[in-house]
Amino acid sequence: MSQHLQAALASRAVIDQALGILMGQNKSAADQAFEILRTISQNRNVKLRDVAAEVITAVSGQPPADAPRFS
């Protein structure tokens, strides 16, 4: 159960980071940024976390960390 919780927290952190990037780039609200991620995920049939990781990697040049930094 602990591993599942850590994985969920890591996924949430990656998605939140990508949302922040999209909000800044598009000057949009969080719900609009989430809709962008969700649409890309559905159209490409790729998990939302993976789309978010691609956004982070494209902007930072590095993939997101696998584990939450606060663990």
C-alpha atoms as a PDB file:
ATOM      1  CA  MET A   1       0.000   0.000   0.000  1.00  0.00           C
ATOM      2  CA  SER A   2       2.856   2.361   0.789  1.00  0.00           C
ATOM      3  CA  GLN A   3       4.357   1.883  -2.681  1.00  0.00           C
ATOM      4  CA  HIS A   4       0.993   2.618  -4.309  1.00  0.00           C
ATOM      5  CA  LEU A   5       0.630   5.783  -2.269  1.00  0.00           C
ATOM      6  CA  GLN A   6       4.131   6.940  -3.182  1.00  0.00           C
ATOM      7  CA  ALA A   7       3.453   6.247  -6.873  1.00  0.00           C
ATOM      8  CA  ALA A   8       0.193   8.188  -6.697  1.00  0.00           C
ATOM      9  CA  LEU A   9       1.916  11.139  -5.027  1.00  0.00           C
ATOM     10  CA  ALA A  10       4.680  11.108  -7.642  1.00  0.00           C
ATOM     11  CA  SER A  11       2.122  11.037 -10.458  1.00  0.00           C
ATOM     12  CA  ARG A  12       0.183  13.867  -8.870  1.00  0.00           C
ATOM     13  CA  ALA A  13       3.340  15.954  -8.539  1.00  0.00           C
ATOM     14  CA  VAL A  14       4.230  15.425 -12.208  1.00  0.00           C
ATOM     15  CA  ILE A  15       0.726  16.355 -13.349  1.00  0.00           C
ATOM     16  CA  ASP A  16       0.687  19.448 -11.116  1.00  0.00           C
ATOM     17  CA  GLN A  17       4.051  20.593 -12.491  1.00  0.00           C
ATOM     18  CA  ALA A  18       2.833  20.176 -16.070  1.00  0.00           C
ATOM     19  CA  LEU A  19      -0.340  22.088 -15.228  1.00  0.00           C
ATOM     20  CA  GLY A  20       1.755  24.946 -13.873  1.00  0.00           C
ATOM     21  CA  ILE A  21       3.842  25.008 -17.041  1.00  0.00           C
ATOM     22  CA  LEU A  22       0.763  25.075 -19.263  1.00  0.00           C
ATOM     23  CA  MET A  23      -0.892  27.737 -17.129  1.00  0.00           C
ATOM     24  CA  GLY A  24       2.188  29.932 -17.468  1.00  0.00           C
ATOM     25  CA  GLN A  25       2.635  29.376 -21.179  1.00  0.00           C
ATOM     26  CA  ASN A  26      -1.022  29.841 -22.084  1.00  0.00           C
ATOM     27  CA  LYS A  27      -1.939  32.318 -19.341  1.00  0.00           C
ATOM     28  CA  SER A  28      -4.849  30.052 -18.487  1.00  0.00           C
ATOM     29  CA  ALA A  29      -6.623  28.707 -15.433  1.00  0.00           C
ATOM     30  CA  ALA A  30      -5.882  25.290 -13.931  1.00  0.00           C
ATOM     31  CA  ASP A  31      -9.046  23.719 -15.349  1.00  0.00           C
ATOM     32  CA  GLN A  32      -8.143  24.863 -18.863  1.00  0.00           C
ATOM     33  CA  ALA A  33      -4.609  23.511 -18.509  1.00  0.00           C
ATOM     34  CA  PHE A  34      -5.966  20.195 -17.264  1.00  0.00           C
ATOM     35  CA  GLU A  35      -8.327  20.046 -20.238  1.00  0.00           C
ATOM     36  CA  ILE A  36      -5.330  20.467 -22.568  1.00  0.00           C
ATOM     37  CA  LEU A  37      -3.487  17.589 -20.892  1.00  0.00           C
ATOM     38  CA  ARG A  38      -6.593  15.407 -20.848  1.00  0.00           C
ATOM     39  CA  THR A  39      -7.327  16.018 -24.534  1.00  0.00           C
ATOM     40  CA  ILE A  40      -3.772  15.183 -25.566  1.00  0.00           C
ATOM     41  CA  SER A  41      -3.867  12.056 -23.410  1.00  0.00           C
ATOM     42  CA  GLN A  42      -7.111  10.855 -24.957  1.00  0.00           C
ATOM     43  CA  ASN A  43      -6.172  11.700 -28.539  1.00  0.00           C
ATOM     44  CA  ARG A  44      -2.831   9.931 -28.289  1.00  0.00           C
ATOM     45  CA  ASN A  45      -4.114   7.116 -26.053  1.00  0.00           C
ATOM     46  CA  VAL A  46      -1.302   7.826 -23.574  1.00  0.00           C
ATOM     47  CA  LYS A  47      -1.598   8.032 -19.808  1.00  0.00           C
ATOM     48  CA  LEU A  48      -2.062  11.534 -18.423  1.00  0.00           C
ATOM     49  CA  ARG A  49       1.065  11.212 -16.272  1.00  0.00           C
ATOM     50  CA  ASP A  50       3.137  10.329 -19.343  1.00  0.00           C
ATOM     51  CA  VAL A  51       1.850  13.362 -21.255  1.00  0.00           C
ATOM     52  CA  ALA A  52       2.648  15.527 -18.227  1.00  0.00           C
ATOM     53  CA  ALA A  53       6.156  14.058 -18.069  1.00  0.00           C
ATOM     54  CA  GLU A  54       6.671  14.913 -21.747  1.00  0.00           C
ATOM     55  CA  VAL A  55       5.668  18.525 -21.072  1.00  0.00           C
ATOM     56  CA  ILE A  56       8.124  18.785 -18.172  1.00  0.00           C
ATOM     57  CA  THR A  57      10.916  17.196 -20.187  1.00  0.00           C
ATOM     58  CA  ALA A  58      10.295  19.493 -23.160  1.00  0.00           C
ATOM     59  CA  VAL A  59      10.523  22.596 -20.966  1.00  0.00           C
ATOM     60  CA  SER A  60      13.276  21.617 -18.543  1.00  0.00           C
ATOM     61  CA  GLY A  61      15.359  19.316 -20.713  1.00  0.00           C
ATOM     62  CA  GLN A  62      15.201  16.667 -17.980  1.00  0.00           C
ATOM     63  CA  PRO A  63      12.578  14.067 -17.120  1.00  0.00           C
ATOM     64  CA  PRO A  64      10.700  14.523 -13.850  1.00  0.00           C
ATOM     65  CA  ALA A  65      11.930  12.763 -10.734  1.00  0.00           C
ATOM     66  CA  ASP A  66      10.428   9.323 -10.105  1.00  0.00           C
ATOM     67  CA  ALA A  67       9.914   9.873  -6.394  1.00  0.00           C
ATOM     68  CA  PRO A  68       8.402  12.812  -4.572  1.00  0.00           C
ATOM     69  CA  ARG A  69      11.087  15.110  -3.182  1.00  0.00           C
ATOM     70  CA  PHE A  70       9.548  15.178   0.290  1.00  0.00           C
ATOM     71  CA  SER A  71       9.856  11.433   0.984  1.00  0.00           C
END
